[in-house]
Amino acid sequence: MASIFSRIVAGEIPSFKIAEDDRFYAFLDIHPLAEGHTLVIPKIETDYLFDLEDSLLGDMMIFAKQVALAIDRTMDCKRVGVAVLGLEVPHAHIHLVPINGLHDIEFSRPKLKFTEGELMATAQKIRAALK
């Protein structure tokens, strides 16, 4: 059975897309730690990030960097934190989280709730900042 992320890539489940190319997809986390919290995934379904081929993993980080720079330009944050947990969905993914302090990227914190309109506006703002 396809992971929820593969179903998002296939268009079976809607998402708030930030960026996409032939190998990667970036979209807003709908249970974010901060406004602009984005997930970056490979389109190929692979459970564990470090099972990806070296070149694909490297290219995924370069793709994630471009998204992170757009997040940094648009969100009120000191940095964009990067986290790889890999337990919650069996599909390799990177979390890009706007942070102002060390504890802003603690996944045990309560998640924020945004309306669909707010998520759409955030996604549009980040997309506009991609170069």
N, C-alpha and C. Protein backbone atom coordinates (compact mmCIF):
# COMPACT_ATOMS: atom_id res chain seq x y z
N MET A 1 0.84 -1.18 0.00
CA MET A 1 0.00 0.00 0.00
C MET A 1 0.89 1.25 0.00
N ALA A 2 0.51 2.21 -0.81
CA ALA A 2 1.29 3.45 -0.93
C ALA A 2 1.21 4.26 0.37
N SER A 3 2.31 4.92 0.69
CA SER A 3 2.31 5.79 1.87
C SER A 3 1.45 7.02 1.60
N ILE A 4 1.08 7.71 2.65
CA ILE A 4 0.31 8.94 2.49
C ILE A 4 1.07 9.95 1.64
N PHE A 5 2.38 9.97 1.74
CA PHE A 5 3.17 10.91 0.94
C PHE A 5 3.15 10.53 -0.54
N SER A 6 3.21 9.23 -0.85
CA SER A 6 3.10 8.80 -2.25
C SER A 6 1.73 9.16 -2.81
N ARG A 7 0.72 9.07 -1.99
CA ARG A 7 -0.63 9.44 -2.42
C ARG A 7 -0.75 10.95 -2.64
N ILE A 8 -0.01 11.74 -1.86
CA ILE A 8 0.03 13.18 -2.09
C ILE A 8 0.70 13.47 -3.43
N VAL A 9 1.85 12.85 -3.68
CA VAL A 9 2.56 13.04 -4.95
C VAL A 9 1.67 12.66 -6.13
N ALA A 10 0.90 11.58 -5.98
CA ALA A 10 0.02 11.10 -7.05
C ALA A 10 -1.22 11.98 -7.23
N GLY A 11 -1.43 12.92 -6.32
CA GLY A 11 -2.59 13.80 -6.41
C GLY A 11 -3.86 13.20 -5.84
N GLU A 12 -3.75 12.07 -5.15
CA GLU A 12 -4.92 11.42 -4.54
C GLU A 12 -5.35 12.14 -3.26
N ILE A 13 -4.39 12.79 -2.61
CA ILE A 13 -4.64 13.55 -1.38
C ILE A 13 -4.14 14.96 -1.63
N PRO A 14 -4.94 15.97 -1.33
CA PRO A 14 -4.49 17.35 -1.58
C PRO A 14 -3.36 17.76 -0.64
N SER A 15 -2.57 18.72 -1.11
CA SER A 15 -1.49 19.26 -0.29
C SER A 15 -1.31 20.73 -0.63
N PHE A 16 -0.53 21.40 0.19
CA PHE A 16 -0.20 22.80 -0.04
C PHE A 16 1.23 22.83 -0.58
N LYS A 17 1.32 22.64 -1.89
CA LYS A 17 2.61 22.47 -2.56
C LYS A 17 3.44 23.74 -2.50
N ILE A 18 4.72 23.54 -2.23
CA ILE A 18 5.70 24.62 -2.24
C ILE A 18 6.55 24.52 -3.51
N ALA A 19 7.06 23.33 -3.80
CA ALA A 19 7.94 23.15 -4.96
C ALA A 19 7.88 21.70 -5.41
N GLU A 20 8.22 21.50 -6.68
CA GLU A 20 8.21 20.14 -7.24
C GLU A 20 9.13 20.11 -8.45
N ASP A 21 9.81 19.00 -8.61
CA ASP A 21 10.49 18.71 -9.87
C ASP A 21 10.25 17.24 -10.18
N ASP A 22 11.00 16.67 -11.08
CA ASP A 22 10.73 15.29 -11.48
C ASP A 22 11.07 14.26 -10.39
N ARG A 23 11.87 14.64 -9.39
CA ARG A 23 12.27 13.68 -8.36
C ARG A 23 11.83 14.02 -6.94
N PHE A 24 11.48 15.29 -6.67
CA PHE A 24 11.20 15.71 -5.30
C PHE A 24 9.93 16.54 -5.23
N TYR A 25 9.38 16.60 -4.03
CA TYR A 25 8.14 17.33 -3.79
C TYR A 25 8.24 17.96 -2.40
N ALA A 26 7.89 19.22 -2.30
CA ALA A 26 7.89 19.93 -1.02
C ALA A 26 6.50 20.50 -0.77
N PHE A 27 5.99 20.32 0.45
CA PHE A 27 4.65 20.78 0.78
C PHE A 27 4.58 21.12 2.26
N LEU A 28 3.60 21.98 2.60
CA LEU A 28 3.45 22.36 4.00
C LEU A 28 2.99 21.19 4.85
N ASP A 29 3.54 21.11 6.05
CA ASP A 29 3.07 20.15 7.05
C ASP A 29 1.73 20.68 7.57
N ILE A 30 0.69 19.86 7.57
CA ILE A 30 -0.62 20.34 8.04
C ILE A 30 -0.75 20.25 9.56
N HIS A 31 0.27 19.70 10.22
CA HIS A 31 0.35 19.69 11.68
C HIS A 31 1.70 20.30 12.08
N PRO A 32 1.88 21.60 11.79
CA PRO A 32 3.21 22.20 11.90
C PRO A 32 3.62 22.61 13.31
N LEU A 33 4.93 22.73 13.47
CA LEU A 33 5.50 23.31 14.68
C LEU A 33 5.54 24.82 14.56
N ALA A 34 5.56 25.33 13.34
CA ALA A 34 5.63 26.77 13.09
C ALA A 34 5.02 27.05 11.72
N GLU A 35 4.58 28.29 11.52
CA GLU A 35 4.09 28.66 10.20
C GLU A 35 5.23 28.48 9.19
N GLY A 36 4.95 27.83 8.09
CA GLY A 36 5.95 27.58 7.07
C GLY A 36 6.65 26.24 7.19
N HIS A 37 6.34 25.46 8.23
CA HIS A 37 6.93 24.12 8.41
C HIS A 37 6.63 23.31 7.15
N THR A 38 7.68 22.87 6.49
CA THR A 38 7.57 22.22 5.18
C THR A 38 8.22 20.85 5.22
N LEU A 39 7.64 19.93 4.46
CA LEU A 39 8.21 18.59 4.30
C LEU A 39 8.77 18.47 2.88
N VAL A 40 9.94 17.87 2.77
CA VAL A 40 10.56 17.61 1.47
C VAL A 40 10.71 16.10 1.35
N ILE A 41 10.19 15.56 0.24
CA ILE A 41 10.22 14.11 0.05
C ILE A 41 10.74 13.76 -1.34
N PRO A 42 11.32 12.57 -1.45
CA PRO A 42 11.60 12.07 -2.80
C PRO A 42 10.30 11.49 -3.35
N LYS A 43 10.11 11.57 -4.64
CA LYS A 43 8.89 11.00 -5.23
C LYS A 43 8.93 9.47 -5.21
N ILE A 44 10.11 8.92 -5.24
CA ILE A 44 10.23 7.47 -5.15
C ILE A 44 9.99 7.07 -3.69
N GLU A 45 9.12 6.12 -3.48
CA GLU A 45 8.79 5.71 -2.11
C GLU A 45 9.91 4.86 -1.53
N THR A 46 10.59 5.43 -0.55
CA THR A 46 11.66 4.76 0.18
C THR A 46 11.42 5.06 1.65
N ASP A 47 11.36 4.03 2.47
CA ASP A 47 11.02 4.19 3.88
C ASP A 47 12.06 5.00 4.64
N TYR A 48 13.33 4.69 4.46
CA TYR A 48 14.40 5.24 5.29
C TYR A 48 15.28 6.16 4.46
N LEU A 49 15.43 7.39 4.92
CA LEU A 49 16.19 8.39 4.18
C LEU A 49 17.56 7.88 3.76
N PHE A 50 18.23 7.17 4.64
CA PHE A 50 19.59 6.74 4.35
C PHE A 50 19.67 5.47 3.51
N ASP A 51 18.52 5.00 3.03
CA ASP A 51 18.49 3.95 2.01
C ASP A 51 18.50 4.53 0.61
N LEU A 52 18.33 5.85 0.49
CA LEU A 52 18.38 6.49 -0.83
C LEU A 52 19.79 6.39 -1.40
N GLU A 53 19.88 6.29 -2.72
CA GLU A 53 21.18 6.33 -3.38
C GLU A 53 21.87 7.64 -3.02
N ASP A 54 23.19 7.62 -2.92
CA ASP A 54 23.94 8.80 -2.50
C ASP A 54 23.63 10.02 -3.36
N SER A 55 23.60 9.84 -4.67
CA SER A 55 23.36 10.99 -5.54
C SER A 55 21.95 11.56 -5.34
N LEU A 56 20.96 10.68 -5.13
CA LEU A 56 19.59 11.14 -4.91
C LEU A 56 19.49 11.88 -3.57
N LEU A 57 20.13 11.36 -2.54
CA LEU A 57 20.14 12.01 -1.24
C LEU A 57 20.80 13.39 -1.32
N GLY A 58 21.92 13.47 -2.01
CA GLY A 58 22.59 14.76 -2.19
C GLY A 58 21.73 15.76 -2.94
N ASP A 59 21.11 15.30 -4.01
CA ASP A 59 20.23 16.19 -4.79
C ASP A 59 19.01 16.60 -3.98
N MET A 60 18.52 15.71 -3.11
CA MET A 60 17.38 16.05 -2.26
C MET A 60 17.75 17.17 -1.30
N MET A 61 18.95 17.14 -0.77
CA MET A 61 19.40 18.20 0.14
C MET A 61 19.55 19.52 -0.61
N ILE A 62 20.00 19.48 -1.85
CA ILE A 62 20.11 20.71 -2.65
C ILE A 62 18.72 21.27 -2.94
N PHE A 63 17.76 20.39 -3.26
CA PHE A 63 16.37 20.80 -3.46
C PHE A 63 15.83 21.42 -2.17
N ALA A 64 16.07 20.75 -1.04
CA ALA A 64 15.60 21.23 0.26
C ALA A 64 16.23 22.59 0.59
N LYS A 65 17.48 22.78 0.22
CA LYS A 65 18.15 24.06 0.48
C LYS A 65 17.42 25.21 -0.21
N GLN A 66 17.02 25.02 -1.45
CA GLN A 66 16.31 26.08 -2.18
C GLN A 66 14.98 26.41 -1.49
N VAL A 67 14.28 25.38 -1.03
CA VAL A 67 13.02 25.59 -0.31
C VAL A 67 13.30 26.30 1.02
N ALA A 68 14.32 25.85 1.73
CA ALA A 68 14.67 26.47 3.03
C ALA A 68 15.01 27.94 2.87
N LEU A 69 15.73 28.30 1.82
CA LEU A 69 16.07 29.70 1.60
C LEU A 69 14.82 30.54 1.34
N ALA A 70 13.85 29.97 0.64
CA ALA A 70 12.59 30.68 0.40
C ALA A 70 11.81 30.83 1.71
N ILE A 71 11.82 29.80 2.54
CA ILE A 71 11.17 29.88 3.85
C ILE A 71 11.85 30.97 4.68
N ASP A 72 13.17 30.99 4.67
CA ASP A 72 13.93 31.96 5.44
C ASP A 72 13.62 33.39 5.00
N ARG A 73 13.39 33.58 3.69
CA ARG A 73 13.09 34.92 3.17
C ARG A 73 11.68 35.38 3.53
N THR A 74 10.78 34.46 3.83
CA THR A 74 9.37 34.84 3.99
C THR A 74 8.82 34.68 5.41
N MET A 75 9.40 33.85 6.21
CA MET A 75 8.90 33.62 7.56
C MET A 75 9.72 34.43 8.56
N ASP A 76 9.11 34.81 9.65
CA ASP A 76 9.79 35.56 10.70
C ASP A 76 10.57 34.57 11.56
N CYS A 77 11.81 34.31 11.16
CA CYS A 77 12.63 33.34 11.89
C CYS A 77 14.10 33.71 11.79
N LYS A 78 14.87 33.18 12.74
CA LYS A 78 16.32 33.38 12.71
C LYS A 78 16.99 32.39 11.78
N ARG A 79 16.44 31.20 11.71
CA ARG A 79 16.99 30.11 10.90
C ARG A 79 15.87 29.21 10.43
N VAL A 80 16.21 28.32 9.53
CA VAL A 80 15.31 27.22 9.18
C VAL A 80 16.01 25.96 9.69
N GLY A 81 15.38 25.35 10.70
CA GLY A 81 15.92 24.12 11.26
C GLY A 81 15.60 22.94 10.36
N VAL A 82 16.46 21.95 10.41
CA VAL A 82 16.30 20.73 9.60
C VAL A 82 16.23 19.55 10.55
N ALA A 83 15.22 18.71 10.34
CA ALA A 83 15.09 17.50 11.17
C ALA A 83 14.71 16.32 10.29
N VAL A 84 15.28 15.19 10.63
CA VAL A 84 14.93 13.92 10.00
C VAL A 84 14.58 12.97 11.13
N LEU A 85 13.31 12.59 11.19
CA LEU A 85 12.88 11.66 12.23
C LEU A 85 12.65 10.28 11.62
N GLY A 86 11.78 10.25 10.63
CA GLY A 86 11.59 9.03 9.87
C GLY A 86 10.76 7.95 10.52
N LEU A 87 10.04 8.27 11.57
CA LEU A 87 9.24 7.24 12.23
C LEU A 87 7.75 7.39 11.98
N GLU A 88 7.30 8.61 11.74
CA GLU A 88 5.87 8.86 11.69
C GLU A 88 5.22 8.46 10.37
N VAL A 89 5.93 8.49 9.26
CA VAL A 89 5.42 8.08 7.95
C VAL A 89 6.50 7.23 7.28
N PRO A 90 6.15 6.07 6.75
CA PRO A 90 7.16 5.20 6.14
C PRO A 90 7.55 5.67 4.73
N HIS A 91 8.01 6.90 4.65
CA HIS A 91 8.46 7.50 3.39
C HIS A 91 9.50 8.54 3.78
N ALA A 92 10.68 8.43 3.24
CA ALA A 92 11.78 9.34 3.58
C ALA A 92 11.32 10.78 3.46
N HIS A 93 11.66 11.60 4.45
CA HIS A 93 11.31 13.01 4.40
C HIS A 93 12.19 13.84 5.31
N ILE A 94 12.27 15.12 4.96
CA ILE A 94 13.03 16.10 5.72
C ILE A 94 12.05 17.17 6.17
N HIS A 95 12.13 17.54 7.44
CA HIS A 95 11.34 18.65 7.97
C HIS A 95 12.18 19.93 7.88
N LEU A 96 11.60 20.98 7.34
CA LEU A 96 12.20 22.32 7.34
C LEU A 96 11.31 23.18 8.21
N VAL A 97 11.84 23.63 9.35
CA VAL A 97 11.03 24.32 10.35
C VAL A 97 11.62 25.69 10.65
N PRO A 98 10.86 26.77 10.41
CA PRO A 98 11.33 28.09 10.81
C PRO A 98 11.49 28.14 12.34
N ILE A 99 12.67 28.56 12.80
CA ILE A 99 12.92 28.58 14.24
C ILE A 99 13.56 29.90 14.67
N ASN A 100 13.31 30.25 15.91
CA ASN A 100 13.94 31.40 16.55
C ASN A 100 14.75 30.99 17.77
N GLY A 101 14.59 29.75 18.19
CA GLY A 101 15.31 29.23 19.34
C GLY A 101 15.39 27.71 19.28
N LEU A 102 16.23 27.16 20.09
CA LEU A 102 16.50 25.73 20.09
C LEU A 102 15.25 24.88 20.32
N HIS A 103 14.36 25.33 21.16
CA HIS A 103 13.20 24.52 21.52
C HIS A 103 12.06 24.60 20.50
N ASP A 104 12.21 25.45 19.50
CA ASP A 104 11.17 25.59 18.48
C ASP A 104 11.04 24.36 17.59
N ILE A 105 12.02 23.48 17.62
CA ILE A 105 11.99 22.31 16.75
C ILE A 105 11.80 21.02 17.55
N GLU A 106 11.24 21.14 18.73
CA GLU A 106 10.93 19.96 19.55
C GLU A 106 9.59 19.39 19.11
N PHE A 107 9.60 18.19 18.61
CA PHE A 107 8.40 17.58 18.06
C PHE A 107 7.41 17.12 19.12
N SER A 108 7.78 17.20 20.38
CA SER A 108 6.84 16.88 21.46
C SER A 108 5.93 18.07 21.78
N ARG A 109 6.27 19.23 21.25
CA ARG A 109 5.44 20.43 21.47
C ARG A 109 4.09 20.28 20.78
N PRO A 110 3.06 20.94 21.31
CA PRO A 110 1.76 20.91 20.62
C PRO A 110 1.88 21.50 19.22
N LYS A 111 1.20 20.88 18.28
CA LYS A 111 1.22 21.35 16.89
C LYS A 111 0.27 22.54 16.74
N LEU A 112 0.57 23.39 15.79
CA LEU A 112 -0.25 24.55 15.52
C LEU A 112 -1.39 24.17 14.57
N LYS A 113 -2.42 24.97 14.57
CA LYS A 113 -3.55 24.75 13.67
C LYS A 113 -3.74 26.01 12.83
N PHE A 114 -3.81 25.82 11.52
CA PHE A 114 -4.07 26.91 10.59
C PHE A 114 -5.25 26.53 9.72
N THR A 115 -5.99 27.53 9.28
CA THR A 115 -7.10 27.27 8.37
C THR A 115 -6.54 26.95 6.98
N GLU A 116 -7.40 26.40 6.15
CA GLU A 116 -6.99 26.12 4.77
C GLU A 116 -6.55 27.41 4.08
N GLY A 117 -7.27 28.50 4.31
CA GLY A 117 -6.89 29.78 3.71
C GLY A 117 -5.54 30.27 4.18
N GLU A 118 -5.25 30.10 5.46
CA GLU A 118 -3.95 30.50 5.99
C GLU A 118 -2.83 29.66 5.40
N LEU A 119 -3.07 28.35 5.27
CA LEU A 119 -2.07 27.46 4.68
C LEU A 119 -1.83 27.82 3.21
N MET A 120 -2.91 28.11 2.49
CA MET A 120 -2.78 28.51 1.08
C MET A 120 -1.96 29.79 0.96
N ALA A 121 -2.21 30.76 1.83
CA ALA A 121 -1.48 32.02 1.80
C ALA A 121 0.00 31.82 2.12
N THR A 122 0.29 30.99 3.10
CA THR A 122 1.68 30.70 3.46
C THR A 122 2.40 30.02 2.31
N ALA A 123 1.76 29.03 1.71
CA ALA A 123 2.37 28.32 0.59
C ALA A 123 2.66 29.28 -0.56
N GLN A 124 1.73 30.15 -0.86
CA GLN A 124 1.90 31.12 -1.94
C GLN A 124 3.07 32.06 -1.65
N LYS A 125 3.17 32.51 -0.40
CA LYS A 125 4.25 33.41 -0.01
C LYS A 125 5.61 32.74 -0.20
N ILE A 126 5.72 31.48 0.22
CA ILE A 126 7.00 30.76 0.09
C ILE A 126 7.30 30.49 -1.39
N ARG A 127 6.29 30.05 -2.14
CA ARG A 127 6.49 29.80 -3.58
C ARG A 127 6.99 31.05 -4.29
N ALA A 128 6.44 32.19 -3.94
CA ALA A 128 6.84 33.45 -4.58
C ALA A 128 8.31 33.81 -4.30
N ALA A 129 8.84 33.30 -3.21
CA ALA A 129 10.22 33.61 -2.82
C ALA A 129 11.23 32.62 -3.40
N LEU A 130 10.76 31.56 -4.04
CA LEU A 130 11.70 30.61 -4.66
C LEU A 130 12.40 31.28 -5.83
N LYS A 131 13.68 31.05 -5.94
CA LYS A 131 14.45 31.65 -7.05
C LYS A 131 15.04 30.58 -7.92
